[in-house]
Amino acid sequence: MTNSTRRIFLKTGAAMLGAAAVSRAAQGTVPEAPSMDKPATQAPLAPPSGRPYNAVVTLNGWTLPWRMKDGVKEFHLVAEPVVREIAPGMKAHLWGYNGQSPGPTIEVVEGDRVRLFVTNRLPEHTTIHWHGQRLPNGMDGVGGLTQPQIPVGKTYVYEFTAKRPGTFMYHPHADEMTQMAMGMMGFWVTHPKDPGFMRVDRDFVFLLNAYDIDPGSFTPKVNTMLEFNLWTWNSRAFPGIDPLVCRLGDRVRIRIGNLTMTSHPMHLHGHEFVVSGTDGGWTPPGSRWPEVTTDVAVGQMRAIEFDATDSGDWAFHCHKSHHTMNAMGHGVPTMIGIDHRGVAEKILRLVPDYMVMGERGMADMGAMEMPLPDNTLPMMTGTGPFGAVEMGGMFTTVKIRQGLARNDYKDPGWYKQPPGTVAYEWNGAAPLAERAAPATKLPGATFKVRKPAGHHNH
C-alpha cells in the first residue's frame, strides 16, 4: 500500500490497519492485508490512484484498499475465522475475509488489470469464485475443476482484466455449503471507465445472507437448507443494520446481491424505483418500469434506482414476513384465542417468572423485556419515536433529509413529521358508509337469487 493510500484510508476511517496477514519481510511482494473489526458503515474510499470513479458505500461494511504496481491494481484478501456482531447483544463466530463477514467490497474500473492475493487462514482448503466476471477459465475459482484448492496457510494469486462494468460478488467454490453458510462472501463493483455514465448521488451496496444459530450459541449450523432463524444484510440484523442516509433530491442507487437459499422481495416505502442493473449489466432505459418491490432470486444481483423526493424515515425491507424477525421457534404453536388464565395460575405456582404469550397475537413480544439466553436477539425488537418497531432481520430505513452535505452519511436521528401529517386517534362519531347505488339491469340479463337453505315459500 502506498503512503498516499494509507493517508486517505486512515482519514476516511475505512479500516483498521493491523498486522499484515502475510509478513512483508517473508513475502516482500505481497501487499498488506488491511483488517476491519468495526460493524458500522465506513466512509466511501475515494480512489487514491488509478482512474477516477464514484465510490460506493457498503452498508455495515467497507472497501478494500489496493496498491498500484507496474500499472496493476493489487489487493490482498485473507480468508479467516472472524467474529461478527449481528446486532448489539449478539455475536457470531463466522468465516470471512480481512476480519469481517462479508468481506470488504472490491472496487475497480472497467479495463483495470487486477491482481488479487488470497491467503488461506481457515482450518481447511478454499478458493474464490468471482461471480459474474468474464475472465480466463483458470481464474474462475472452482476448486478441482479450474484450479487446485488453496491449502491451509498458502497464498494463491488471481489475475485478470475487469472487462465489463457492473455489480458482482465473490465467494468460495470449495466446500461451498459449509463456507458460505459460515459467511464467506463479498461484493465486487466494476465502475464504468466514463465516470459520468449512470452516475448517481448515492450508491449503496450490500449482500443478503442468512444463518441458523441456536439461541445461546455462536456458530451457525452449516447443514441447514431452509429453516434459517437469522435473516441478515451484510451479516447484520435489525436493529443492527444502519440506515441508508440520503439528501432530499438525490438520485440513489442500491445494489443488492443474494447469496441465501431463497429469494427476497425487496420493498421500499414512500418511493417507486426502477431496476437499473442485473448480474449481466445495466438494463436499457427503455426496458425499465416503476416498481415498489422487486424479487432478488438466489445467486442474483439487482440494482435499483430512485429519486429521493420525499423527506422521512422510509422502511426498506424484505417482504417475506418471517425474514423481518430474529431467532424464531418454528415449532411454537399458535395460541391466538386460547384462554390461559386457569392454566397460567397453576404454572405460576411452579414457575414464578412464567409469562403468557401469544393469546392475542405476537405484538406484545416487541415491547416486553424477558430473560433470553446469552448471545440471543429478541424475535421482534427495535424502538422508534412512537414506540416498539416490532421488526428484526432484513429491515432498516432510508432516511431522507433536506440540507445534508454531499458526503454526509451520519444517522440524522428520527424524522420529525410536520404538524398535521401523523396518523391520529379519532374520538368523534364513526362515519357511516354510503350505500352503493342499485345495480342497473342490462338488457337481456337475468339475475338469480340464491335463497338460504331451509327457506320455503308460503
Protein backbone atom coordinates (compact mmCIF):
# COMPACT_ATOMS: atom_id res chain seq x y z
CA MET A 1 0.00 0.00 0.00
CA THR A 2 1.45 3.41 -0.92
CA ASN A 3 1.83 6.20 1.61
CA SER A 4 -0.89 8.23 -0.14
CA THR A 5 -3.25 5.27 0.03
CA ARG A 6 -2.54 4.83 3.73
CA ARG A 7 -3.19 8.53 4.47
CA ILE A 8 -6.54 8.56 2.64
CA PHE A 9 -7.53 5.22 4.14
CA LEU A 10 -6.92 6.36 7.71
CA LYS A 11 -8.51 9.76 7.06
CA THR A 12 -11.79 8.22 5.91
CA GLY A 13 -11.82 5.75 8.78
CA ALA A 14 -12.40 2.97 6.28
CA ALA A 15 -10.45 0.30 8.17
CA MET A 16 -8.11 -0.56 10.98
CA LEU A 17 -4.67 -1.34 9.63
CA GLY A 18 -3.40 -4.11 11.88
CA ALA A 19 -0.61 -6.57 11.32
CA ALA A 20 -0.47 -7.87 7.77
CA ALA A 21 -1.76 -11.41 7.35
CA VAL A 22 1.36 -12.32 5.37
CA SER A 23 4.65 -10.95 6.68
CA ARG A 24 6.15 -8.40 4.27
CA ALA A 25 9.57 -9.49 5.49
CA ALA A 26 8.81 -13.08 4.48
CA GLN A 27 6.93 -12.20 1.27
CA GLY A 28 8.03 -8.74 0.23
CA THR A 29 5.99 -8.74 -2.97
CA VAL A 30 2.65 -9.29 -1.25
CA PRO A 31 0.63 -6.12 -0.44
CA GLU A 32 -0.56 -5.50 3.09
CA ALA A 33 -3.90 -7.01 4.11
CA PRO A 34 -5.92 -4.37 5.99
CA SER A 35 -8.41 -5.70 8.52
CA MET A 36 -11.66 -4.34 9.93
CA ASP A 37 -13.34 -5.06 13.26
CA LYS A 38 -15.97 -2.29 13.36
CA PRO A 39 -19.55 -3.26 12.32
CA ALA A 40 -20.62 0.28 11.36
CA THR A 41 -20.84 1.57 7.79
CA GLN A 42 -17.49 3.11 6.83
CA ALA A 43 -16.98 6.17 4.66
CA PRO A 44 -16.55 5.58 0.91
CA LEU A 45 -12.93 5.12 -0.15
CA ALA A 46 -12.01 7.81 -2.68
CA PRO A 47 -9.61 6.35 -5.27
CA PRO A 48 -6.09 7.45 -4.30
CA SER A 49 -4.56 6.18 -7.54
CA GLY A 50 -5.60 4.87 -10.93
CA ARG A 51 -8.56 6.19 -12.90
CA PRO A 52 -11.33 8.13 -11.13
CA TYR A 53 -14.68 6.63 -10.20
CA ASN A 54 -17.65 7.39 -7.95
CA ALA A 55 -17.12 5.27 -4.84
CA VAL A 56 -19.88 3.11 -3.36
CA VAL A 57 -20.95 2.88 0.30
CA THR A 58 -21.05 -0.66 1.71
CA LEU A 59 -23.85 -0.96 4.27
CA ASN A 60 -22.23 -2.00 7.57
CA GLY A 61 -19.03 -2.63 5.65
CA TRP A 62 -16.02 -1.10 3.89
CA THR A 63 -13.95 -1.03 0.69
CA LEU A 64 -10.63 -2.87 0.40
CA PRO A 65 -7.64 -0.58 -0.37
CA TRP A 66 -5.13 -1.51 -3.04
CA ARG A 67 -1.67 -0.59 -4.25
CA MET A 68 -0.62 0.16 -7.82
CA LYS A 69 2.34 -1.87 -9.06
CA ASP A 70 3.51 -1.54 -12.66
CA GLY A 71 0.02 -0.43 -13.72
CA VAL A 72 -1.76 -3.32 -11.96
CA LYS A 73 -4.16 -2.89 -9.02
CA GLU A 74 -3.09 -5.30 -6.29
CA PHE A 75 -5.43 -6.41 -3.49
CA HIS A 76 -4.87 -8.84 -0.63
CA LEU A 77 -7.75 -10.93 0.75
CA VAL A 78 -7.29 -13.16 3.79
CA ALA A 79 -9.81 -15.98 4.31
CA GLU A 80 -10.04 -16.48 8.07
CA PRO A 81 -12.30 -17.10 11.09
CA VAL A 82 -13.94 -13.85 12.25
CA VAL A 83 -16.29 -12.63 14.97
CA ARG A 84 -19.19 -10.59 13.58
CA GLU A 85 -21.66 -8.63 15.69
CA ILE A 86 -25.07 -9.48 14.19
CA ALA A 87 -26.70 -6.74 16.29
CA PRO A 88 -25.91 -5.27 19.71
CA GLY A 89 -26.15 -8.13 22.18
CA MET A 90 -25.25 -10.92 19.77
CA LYS A 91 -22.02 -12.00 18.10
CA ALA A 92 -21.44 -14.90 15.73
CA HIS A 93 -18.33 -16.97 15.11
CA LEU A 94 -18.13 -16.93 11.31
CA TRP A 95 -15.64 -17.30 8.48
CA GLY A 96 -14.94 -14.29 6.30
CA TYR A 97 -12.24 -12.10 4.83
CA ASN A 98 -9.96 -9.48 6.38
CA GLY A 99 -11.65 -9.51 9.77
CA GLN A 100 -15.30 -9.42 8.69
CA SER A 101 -18.18 -11.28 7.11
CA PRO A 102 -18.96 -10.36 4.43
CA GLY A 103 -15.51 -9.43 3.26
CA PRO A 104 -14.62 -5.94 2.06
CA THR A 105 -16.04 -4.59 -1.20
CA ILE A 106 -13.60 -4.55 -4.12
CA GLU A 107 -13.89 -1.52 -6.43
CA VAL A 108 -12.13 -1.30 -9.79
CA VAL A 109 -12.68 0.43 -13.14
CA GLU A 110 -13.61 -1.15 -16.46
CA GLY A 111 -10.38 -2.16 -18.18
CA ASP A 112 -8.26 -2.31 -15.00
CA ARG A 113 -5.71 -5.09 -14.74
CA VAL A 114 -6.32 -6.63 -11.31
CA ARG A 115 -4.10 -8.93 -9.23
CA LEU A 116 -5.62 -10.50 -6.10
CA PHE A 117 -3.52 -12.28 -3.47
CA VAL A 118 -5.64 -14.72 -1.45
CA THR A 119 -4.18 -16.13 1.77
CA ASN A 120 -5.94 -19.08 3.43
CA ARG A 121 -6.06 -18.93 7.24
CA LEU A 122 -9.08 -21.24 7.52
CA PRO A 123 -8.81 -24.74 9.03
CA GLU A 124 -9.48 -26.26 5.57
CA HIS A 125 -8.69 -25.54 1.92
CA THR A 126 -10.62 -22.90 -0.04
CA THR A 127 -10.85 -20.99 -3.34
CA ILE A 128 -12.54 -17.78 -4.55
CA HIS A 129 -15.01 -17.66 -7.42
CA TRP A 130 -15.50 -14.21 -8.99
CA HIS A 131 -19.27 -14.47 -9.52
CA GLY A 132 -20.40 -12.98 -12.85
CA GLN A 133 -16.97 -11.94 -14.17
CA ARG A 134 -15.61 -12.56 -17.65
CA LEU A 135 -12.10 -13.91 -17.11
CA PRO A 136 -9.69 -16.69 -18.13
CA ASN A 137 -11.05 -20.12 -17.23
CA GLY A 138 -8.17 -20.85 -14.88
CA MET A 139 -9.03 -17.77 -12.78
CA ASP A 140 -12.70 -18.73 -12.23
CA GLY A 141 -12.03 -20.25 -8.83
CA VAL A 142 -13.77 -23.64 -8.95
CA GLY A 143 -11.67 -26.00 -6.86
CA GLY A 144 -10.72 -29.23 -8.63
CA LEU A 145 -12.14 -28.02 -11.97
CA THR A 146 -10.28 -24.84 -12.88
CA GLN A 147 -7.58 -24.74 -10.19
CA PRO A 148 -6.10 -26.67 -7.26
CA GLN A 149 -7.62 -25.89 -3.87
CA ILE A 150 -5.73 -23.27 -1.84
CA PRO A 151 -4.18 -25.28 1.02
CA VAL A 152 -4.20 -24.05 4.61
CA GLY A 153 -1.51 -21.42 5.15
CA LYS A 154 -0.83 -20.85 1.44
CA THR A 155 -1.30 -17.75 -0.75
CA TYR A 156 -2.58 -18.01 -4.33
CA VAL A 157 -2.80 -15.25 -6.93
CA TYR A 158 -5.69 -14.44 -9.28
CA GLU A 159 -5.04 -12.03 -12.14
CA PHE A 160 -7.37 -10.80 -14.89
CA THR A 161 -8.73 -7.70 -16.58
CA ALA A 162 -12.06 -6.30 -15.39
CA LYS A 163 -13.71 -6.46 -18.81
CA ARG A 164 -17.15 -5.01 -18.23
CA PRO A 165 -18.74 -2.60 -15.76
CA GLY A 166 -21.32 -3.92 -13.35
CA THR A 167 -22.00 -5.38 -9.95
CA PHE A 168 -20.60 -8.77 -8.97
CA MET A 169 -19.91 -10.96 -5.94
CA TYR A 170 -17.13 -13.24 -4.72
CA HIS A 171 -17.42 -16.45 -2.69
CA PRO A 172 -15.73 -19.86 -2.36
CA HIS A 173 -16.24 -22.78 -4.72
CA ALA A 174 -14.68 -25.20 -2.24
CA ASP A 175 -16.74 -26.96 0.45
CA GLU A 176 -19.21 -24.33 -0.66
CA MET A 177 -22.12 -25.38 1.55
CA THR A 178 -20.02 -25.04 4.70
CA GLN A 179 -18.00 -21.99 3.77
CA MET A 180 -20.92 -19.90 2.52
CA ALA A 181 -23.08 -20.97 5.47
CA MET A 182 -20.26 -19.66 7.66
CA GLY A 183 -20.40 -16.24 5.96
CA MET A 184 -17.72 -16.31 3.25
CA MET A 185 -18.76 -13.83 0.57
CA GLY A 186 -18.15 -10.29 -0.60
CA PHE A 187 -19.17 -7.62 -3.12
CA TRP A 188 -17.32 -6.50 -6.26
CA VAL A 189 -18.09 -3.33 -8.23
CA THR A 190 -16.53 -2.61 -11.62
CA HIS A 191 -17.16 1.07 -12.36
CA PRO A 192 -17.58 2.30 -15.97
CA LYS A 193 -14.50 3.93 -17.49
CA ASP A 194 -16.61 7.04 -18.10
CA PRO A 195 -17.31 8.33 -14.54
CA GLY A 196 -20.33 10.25 -15.85
CA PHE A 197 -22.10 7.11 -17.15
CA MET A 198 -25.03 6.05 -14.95
CA ARG A 199 -23.79 8.50 -12.29
CA VAL A 200 -25.86 8.79 -9.12
CA ASP A 201 -25.51 10.89 -5.97
CA ARG A 202 -25.50 7.97 -3.50
CA ASP A 203 -24.58 4.39 -4.34
CA PHE A 204 -25.15 1.74 -1.66
CA VAL A 205 -24.24 -1.98 -1.79
CA PHE A 206 -24.98 -4.97 0.45
CA LEU A 207 -25.38 -8.75 0.35
CA LEU A 208 -28.33 -10.81 1.57
CA ASN A 209 -27.24 -13.72 3.78
CA ALA A 210 -28.81 -15.99 6.39
CA TYR A 211 -27.72 -18.10 9.36
CA ASP A 212 -29.09 -20.79 11.62
CA ILE A 213 -27.65 -20.16 15.09
CA ASP A 214 -29.28 -21.79 18.08
CA PRO A 215 -30.24 -19.38 20.91
CA GLY A 216 -27.31 -19.08 23.28
CA SER A 217 -24.73 -20.38 20.79
CA PHE A 218 -22.25 -18.65 18.47
CA THR A 219 -21.61 -20.86 15.43
CA PRO A 220 -24.03 -21.39 12.51
CA LYS A 221 -25.37 -24.85 11.70
CA VAL A 222 -23.91 -25.43 8.26
CA ASN A 223 -26.26 -28.24 7.19
CA THR A 224 -29.44 -26.13 7.38
CA MET A 225 -31.17 -25.92 4.00
CA LEU A 226 -34.34 -23.89 4.62
CA GLU A 227 -35.19 -23.14 8.24
CA PHE A 228 -32.75 -20.33 8.97
CA ASN A 229 -33.51 -18.18 12.00
CA LEU A 230 -31.39 -15.11 11.29
CA TRP A 231 -32.01 -13.19 8.06
CA THR A 232 -29.34 -10.56 7.55
CA TRP A 233 -27.94 -7.84 5.32
CA ASN A 234 -24.15 -7.97 5.30
CA SER A 235 -24.35 -10.30 8.32
CA ARG A 236 -26.32 -7.74 10.35
CA ALA A 237 -29.93 -7.96 11.59
CA PHE A 238 -32.24 -5.12 12.64
CA PRO A 239 -31.72 -3.07 14.76
CA GLY A 240 -28.05 -3.60 13.87
CA ILE A 241 -28.49 -2.60 10.20
CA ASP A 242 -27.52 1.02 9.60
CA PRO A 243 -29.95 3.38 7.83
CA LEU A 244 -29.34 4.43 4.24
CA VAL A 245 -28.93 8.21 4.62
CA CYS A 246 -29.83 10.36 1.58
CA ARG A 247 -30.21 14.05 0.76
CA LEU A 248 -33.58 15.25 -0.42
CA GLY A 249 -33.42 15.29 -4.23
CA ASP A 250 -30.57 12.76 -4.52
CA ARG A 251 -30.56 10.13 -7.23
CA VAL A 252 -29.99 6.96 -5.21
CA ARG A 253 -28.80 3.52 -6.30
CA ILE A 254 -28.97 0.42 -4.08
CA ARG A 255 -27.13 -2.70 -5.31
CA ILE A 256 -28.33 -5.94 -3.68
CA GLY A 257 -26.73 -9.37 -4.06
CA ASN A 258 -28.43 -12.55 -2.83
CA LEU A 259 -26.33 -15.47 -1.55
CA THR A 260 -29.01 -17.03 0.66
CA MET A 261 -31.00 -20.21 -0.10
CA THR A 262 -34.23 -18.40 -1.05
CA SER A 263 -35.48 -15.33 -2.91
CA HIS A 264 -36.18 -11.97 -1.29
CA PRO A 265 -38.83 -9.46 -2.49
CA MET A 266 -37.19 -6.15 -1.60
CA HIS A 267 -39.74 -3.44 -0.80
CA LEU A 268 -39.21 0.32 -0.41
CA HIS A 269 -41.82 2.56 1.25
CA GLY A 270 -42.77 6.02 0.03
CA HIS A 271 -40.98 5.90 -3.35
CA GLU A 272 -41.07 3.91 -6.56
CA PHE A 273 -37.89 2.73 -8.25
CA VAL A 274 -36.62 1.09 -11.43
CA VAL A 275 -34.34 -1.93 -11.77
CA SER A 276 -31.33 -0.38 -13.49
CA GLY A 277 -28.90 -3.29 -13.31
CA THR A 278 -28.62 -7.08 -13.02
CA ASP A 279 -25.76 -9.59 -12.84
CA GLY A 280 -25.50 -9.28 -16.62
CA GLY A 281 -25.06 -5.49 -16.71
CA TRP A 282 -27.11 -2.32 -16.95
CA THR A 283 -30.71 -2.62 -18.14
CA PRO A 284 -31.59 -0.46 -21.18
CA PRO A 285 -33.66 2.56 -20.07
CA GLY A 286 -36.46 1.62 -22.46
CA SER A 287 -36.92 -1.74 -20.70
CA ARG A 288 -37.49 -0.32 -17.20
CA TRP A 289 -40.79 0.21 -15.41
CA PRO A 290 -41.67 1.58 -11.96
CA GLU A 291 -41.81 -0.82 -9.00
CA VAL A 292 -42.01 -0.64 -5.24
CA THR A 293 -40.97 -4.30 -4.78
CA THR A 294 -38.53 -6.40 -6.79
CA ASP A 295 -37.62 -10.04 -6.20
CA VAL A 296 -33.94 -10.89 -5.90
CA ALA A 297 -33.51 -14.60 -6.59
CA VAL A 298 -30.75 -16.88 -5.32
CA GLY A 299 -27.38 -16.00 -6.83
CA GLN A 300 -28.73 -12.83 -8.43
CA MET A 301 -27.87 -9.16 -8.17
CA ARG A 302 -30.29 -6.28 -8.66
CA ALA A 303 -29.50 -2.57 -8.76
CA ILE A 304 -32.48 -0.31 -8.08
CA GLU A 305 -32.59 3.47 -8.55
CA PHE A 306 -34.96 6.20 -7.40
CA ASP A 307 -35.14 9.91 -6.76
CA ALA A 308 -35.31 10.80 -3.06
CA THR A 309 -38.27 13.13 -3.45
CA ASP A 310 -39.91 12.93 -0.01
CA SER A 311 -38.35 13.52 3.39
CA GLY A 312 -38.86 10.95 6.13
CA ASP A 313 -37.74 7.66 7.62
CA TRP A 314 -38.94 5.21 4.97
CA ALA A 315 -38.96 1.50 5.76
CA PHE A 316 -36.92 -0.75 3.45
CA HIS A 317 -37.15 -4.50 3.93
CA CYS A 318 -37.67 -7.98 2.56
CA HIS A 319 -41.41 -8.54 2.20
CA LYS A 320 -41.34 -12.16 3.40
CA SER A 321 -42.66 -11.52 6.90
CA HIS A 322 -40.54 -14.21 8.59
CA HIS A 323 -37.45 -12.52 7.16
CA THR A 324 -38.13 -9.38 9.23
CA MET A 325 -37.91 -11.27 12.51
CA ASN A 326 -34.97 -12.57 14.51
CA ALA A 327 -34.41 -16.01 16.04
CA MET A 328 -37.75 -17.83 15.88
CA GLY A 329 -39.01 -21.14 17.20
CA HIS A 330 -40.51 -22.77 14.14
CA GLY A 331 -42.41 -25.30 16.26
CA VAL A 332 -44.13 -22.78 18.57
CA PRO A 333 -47.90 -23.42 18.42
CA THR A 334 -50.38 -20.64 17.59
CA MET A 335 -52.17 -19.64 20.82
CA ILE A 336 -54.43 -16.88 19.48
CA GLY A 337 -57.84 -17.05 21.16
CA ILE A 338 -56.74 -19.50 23.88
CA ASP A 339 -57.73 -18.54 27.44
CA HIS A 340 -54.65 -19.19 29.57
CA ARG A 341 -55.97 -17.90 32.88
CA GLY A 342 -56.62 -21.14 34.72
CA VAL A 343 -53.54 -22.87 33.35
CA ALA A 344 -51.33 -19.83 33.93
CA GLU A 345 -52.24 -19.71 37.62
CA LYS A 346 -51.14 -23.32 38.08
CA ILE A 347 -47.93 -22.83 36.11
CA LEU A 348 -47.02 -19.71 38.10
CA ARG A 349 -47.03 -21.79 41.30
CA LEU A 350 -44.25 -23.91 39.78
CA VAL A 351 -42.53 -21.30 37.56
CA PRO A 352 -42.79 -17.84 39.19
CA ASP A 353 -41.40 -16.00 36.11
CA TYR A 354 -43.81 -17.64 33.65
CA MET A 355 -45.28 -15.20 31.08
CA VAL A 356 -48.39 -15.75 28.97
CA MET A 357 -47.61 -15.07 25.31
CA GLY A 358 -49.42 -15.26 22.03
CA GLU A 359 -53.10 -15.42 23.00
CA ARG A 360 -53.74 -12.00 21.42
CA GLY A 361 -51.10 -12.25 18.71
CA MET A 362 -47.35 -11.68 18.97
CA ALA A 363 -47.20 -7.86 19.13
CA ASP A 364 -46.57 -7.86 22.90
CA MET A 365 -43.20 -9.50 22.26
CA GLY A 366 -41.94 -6.36 20.53
CA ALA A 367 -42.10 -4.39 23.80
CA MET A 368 -41.71 -6.94 26.59
CA GLU A 369 -38.39 -7.42 28.30
CA MET A 370 -37.99 -11.06 29.18
CA PRO A 371 -34.87 -13.09 30.04
CA LEU A 372 -33.13 -14.54 26.97
CA PRO A 373 -30.26 -16.98 26.62
CA ASP A 374 -26.88 -15.28 26.36
CA ASN A 375 -25.93 -14.10 22.87
CA THR A 376 -29.52 -14.17 21.56
CA LEU A 377 -31.61 -11.42 19.94
CA PRO A 378 -35.32 -10.86 20.66
CA MET A 379 -37.62 -12.08 17.90
CA MET A 380 -39.06 -8.57 17.42
CA THR A 381 -37.02 -5.61 18.54
CA GLY A 382 -36.05 -2.00 17.92
CA THR A 383 -37.56 1.21 19.24
CA GLY A 384 -38.67 4.18 17.17
CA PRO A 385 -40.01 7.65 18.06
CA PHE A 386 -43.51 6.23 18.61
CA GLY A 387 -42.62 3.03 20.46
CA ALA A 388 -41.65 -0.55 19.58
CA VAL A 389 -40.90 -1.06 15.87
CA GLU A 390 -41.61 -4.82 16.17
CA MET A 391 -39.13 -5.83 13.48
CA GLY A 392 -35.92 -7.78 13.12
CA GLY A 393 -33.88 -9.41 10.38
CA MET A 394 -33.87 -7.83 6.93
CA PHE A 395 -35.23 -4.40 7.87
CA THR A 396 -33.87 -0.87 8.01
CA THR A 397 -34.82 2.65 6.94
CA VAL A 398 -33.95 5.01 4.12
CA LYS A 399 -33.57 8.36 5.90
CA ILE A 400 -34.12 11.27 3.52
CA ARG A 401 -33.30 14.76 4.80
CA GLN A 402 -33.00 18.22 3.32
CA GLY A 403 -29.73 20.07 3.60
CA LEU A 404 -27.28 17.20 4.16
CA ALA A 405 -23.73 17.63 2.91
CA ARG A 406 -22.85 15.69 -0.23
CA ASN A 407 -20.75 13.08 1.61
CA ASP A 408 -22.66 13.11 4.89
CA TYR A 409 -23.80 9.57 5.76
CA LYS A 410 -24.23 10.07 9.52
CA ASP A 411 -27.55 8.99 11.04
CA PRO A 412 -29.59 12.22 11.32
CA GLY A 413 -31.83 10.80 14.05
CA TRP A 414 -35.57 10.29 13.85
CA TYR A 415 -37.64 12.31 11.40
CA LYS A 416 -39.95 14.94 12.89
CA GLN A 417 -43.15 14.98 10.85
CA PRO A 418 -44.69 18.41 10.18
CA PRO A 419 -47.81 19.20 12.27
CA GLY A 420 -50.94 17.56 10.93
CA THR A 421 -49.12 14.83 8.97
CA VAL A 422 -49.17 11.98 11.53
CA ALA A 423 -51.98 9.43 11.81
CA TYR A 424 -54.12 10.26 14.88
CA GLU A 425 -56.88 8.84 17.04
CA TRP A 426 -60.46 9.66 16.08
CA ASN A 427 -62.75 10.46 19.01
CA GLY A 428 -65.90 11.54 17.16
CA ALA A 429 -68.83 9.52 15.88
CA ALA A 430 -67.98 6.77 13.45
CA PRO A 431 -68.71 7.90 9.90
CA LEU A 432 -71.47 5.99 8.12
CA ALA A 433 -70.56 4.30 4.89
CA GLU A 434 -72.61 5.35 1.90
CA ARG A 435 -74.82 2.63 0.44
CA ALA A 436 -73.99 1.62 -3.08
CA ALA A 437 -76.46 2.65 -5.79
CA PRO A 438 -78.71 -0.18 -7.05
CA ALA A 439 -77.20 -2.10 -9.93
CA THR A 440 -78.63 -1.29 -13.34
CA LYS A 441 -80.03 -4.31 -15.12
CA LEU A 442 -78.57 -4.69 -18.56
CA PRO A 443 -80.90 -5.57 -21.47
CA GLY A 444 -81.32 -9.33 -21.76
CA ALA A 445 -79.61 -10.02 -18.44
CA THR A 446 -81.20 -12.23 -15.81
CA PHE A 447 -80.41 -12.17 -12.11
CA LYS A 448 -80.59 -15.26 -9.96
CA VAL A 449 -81.18 -15.08 -6.22
CA ARG A 450 -79.86 -17.87 -4.02
CA LYS A 451 -82.26 -18.45 -1.10
CA PRO A 452 -80.96 -19.54 2.31
CA ALA A 453 -81.06 -23.28 2.97
CA GLY A 454 -84.31 -24.41 4.58
CA HIS A 455 -86.28 -21.46 3.22
CA HIS A 456 -89.75 -22.31 1.84
CA ASN A 457 -92.30 -20.20 0.08
CA HIS A 458 -95.66 -19.93 1.87
